[in-house]
């Protein structure tokens, strides 16, 4: 029997929740988003970006997060242990 998996539709809600989570960890830090404007990454994952989080103090590290890679598998069926 063929199993049909519905398309994941909560994409915008997921990004909003991820941004809220990031802002809860670094609420006062300046954040900049970098987006691929062309090339294969833009075609395969149009919402993929890197978020650069500036330190509050000179001794603190810069933080870089990727956001959007999860979309590559958003419509796959979850299989425990996979």
Protein backbone atom coordinates (compact mmCIF):
# COMPACT_ATOMS: atom_id res chain seq x y z
CA UNK A 1 0.00 0.00 0.00
CA UNK A 2 1.32 3.44 -0.90
CA UNK A 3 1.45 5.86 1.99
CA UNK A 4 0.84 9.49 1.10
CA UNK A 5 2.29 12.03 3.47
CA UNK A 6 0.58 15.41 3.59
CA UNK A 7 2.76 18.41 2.81
CA UNK A 8 4.02 20.30 5.84
CA UNK A 9 2.07 23.55 5.87
CA UNK A 10 3.19 25.30 9.06
CA UNK A 11 6.31 26.79 7.48
CA UNK A 12 5.70 30.42 8.51
CA UNK A 13 4.69 29.38 12.03
CA UNK A 14 7.88 27.31 12.34
CA UNK A 15 10.09 30.24 11.30
CA UNK A 16 8.26 32.53 13.75
CA UNK A 17 8.81 30.01 16.57
CA UNK A 18 12.50 29.61 15.68
CA UNK A 19 13.05 33.38 15.63
CA UNK A 20 11.23 33.72 18.95
CA UNK A 21 13.50 31.03 20.41
CA UNK A 22 16.65 32.76 19.09
CA UNK A 23 15.47 36.10 20.49
CA UNK A 24 14.79 34.49 23.88
CA UNK A 25 18.42 33.35 24.10
CA UNK A 26 19.98 36.56 22.72
CA UNK A 27 17.32 39.22 23.43
CA UNK A 28 19.59 42.27 23.38
CA UNK A 29 22.16 41.24 20.78
CA UNK A 30 22.17 42.79 17.33
CA UNK A 31 21.23 40.20 14.71
CA UNK A 32 21.86 40.29 10.97
CA UNK A 33 20.47 37.83 8.42
CA UNK A 34 22.41 36.86 5.31
CA UNK A 35 20.54 35.30 2.38
CA UNK A 36 21.84 33.62 -0.77
CA UNK A 37 20.50 35.75 -3.59
CA UNK A 38 21.38 33.28 -6.37
CA UNK A 39 22.77 29.84 -7.02
CA UNK A 40 21.74 26.31 -6.11
CA UNK A 41 21.17 27.05 -2.44
CA UNK A 42 18.60 29.72 -3.32
CA UNK A 43 16.82 27.25 -5.62
CA UNK A 44 16.88 24.25 -3.27
CA UNK A 45 16.23 26.09 0.01
CA UNK A 46 14.90 29.59 -0.73
CA UNK A 47 14.33 30.37 2.97
CA UNK A 48 17.81 29.27 4.09
CA UNK A 49 19.92 31.98 5.70
CA UNK A 50 22.68 32.59 8.21
CA UNK A 51 21.95 34.67 11.27
CA UNK A 52 24.91 36.55 12.69
CA UNK A 53 24.56 37.48 16.36
CA UNK A 54 26.89 40.18 17.60
CA UNK A 55 28.38 39.94 21.11
CA UNK A 56 27.29 42.35 23.82
CA UNK A 57 30.81 42.52 25.29
CA UNK A 58 34.16 42.46 23.50
CA UNK A 59 35.16 39.19 25.19
CA UNK A 60 31.94 37.40 24.17
CA UNK A 61 31.91 35.30 20.97
CA UNK A 62 30.12 36.06 17.74
CA UNK A 63 27.43 33.46 17.06
CA UNK A 64 26.40 32.17 13.63
CA UNK A 65 23.23 30.13 13.13
CA UNK A 66 21.79 28.59 10.01
CA UNK A 67 18.05 28.82 9.60
CA UNK A 68 16.03 26.94 7.02
CA UNK A 69 17.92 23.70 6.37
CA UNK A 70 15.07 21.82 8.09
CA UNK A 71 12.93 22.45 5.00
CA UNK A 72 14.97 19.87 3.06
CA UNK A 73 13.19 17.12 5.01
CA UNK A 74 9.95 18.81 6.04
CA UNK A 75 7.73 16.50 3.98
CA UNK A 76 9.44 13.22 4.87
CA UNK A 77 7.72 10.60 6.96
CA UNK A 78 9.16 10.36 10.46
CA UNK A 79 10.64 6.94 11.15
CA UNK A 80 11.97 6.24 14.67
CA UNK A 81 15.66 5.36 14.64
CA UNK A 82 16.27 6.85 11.22
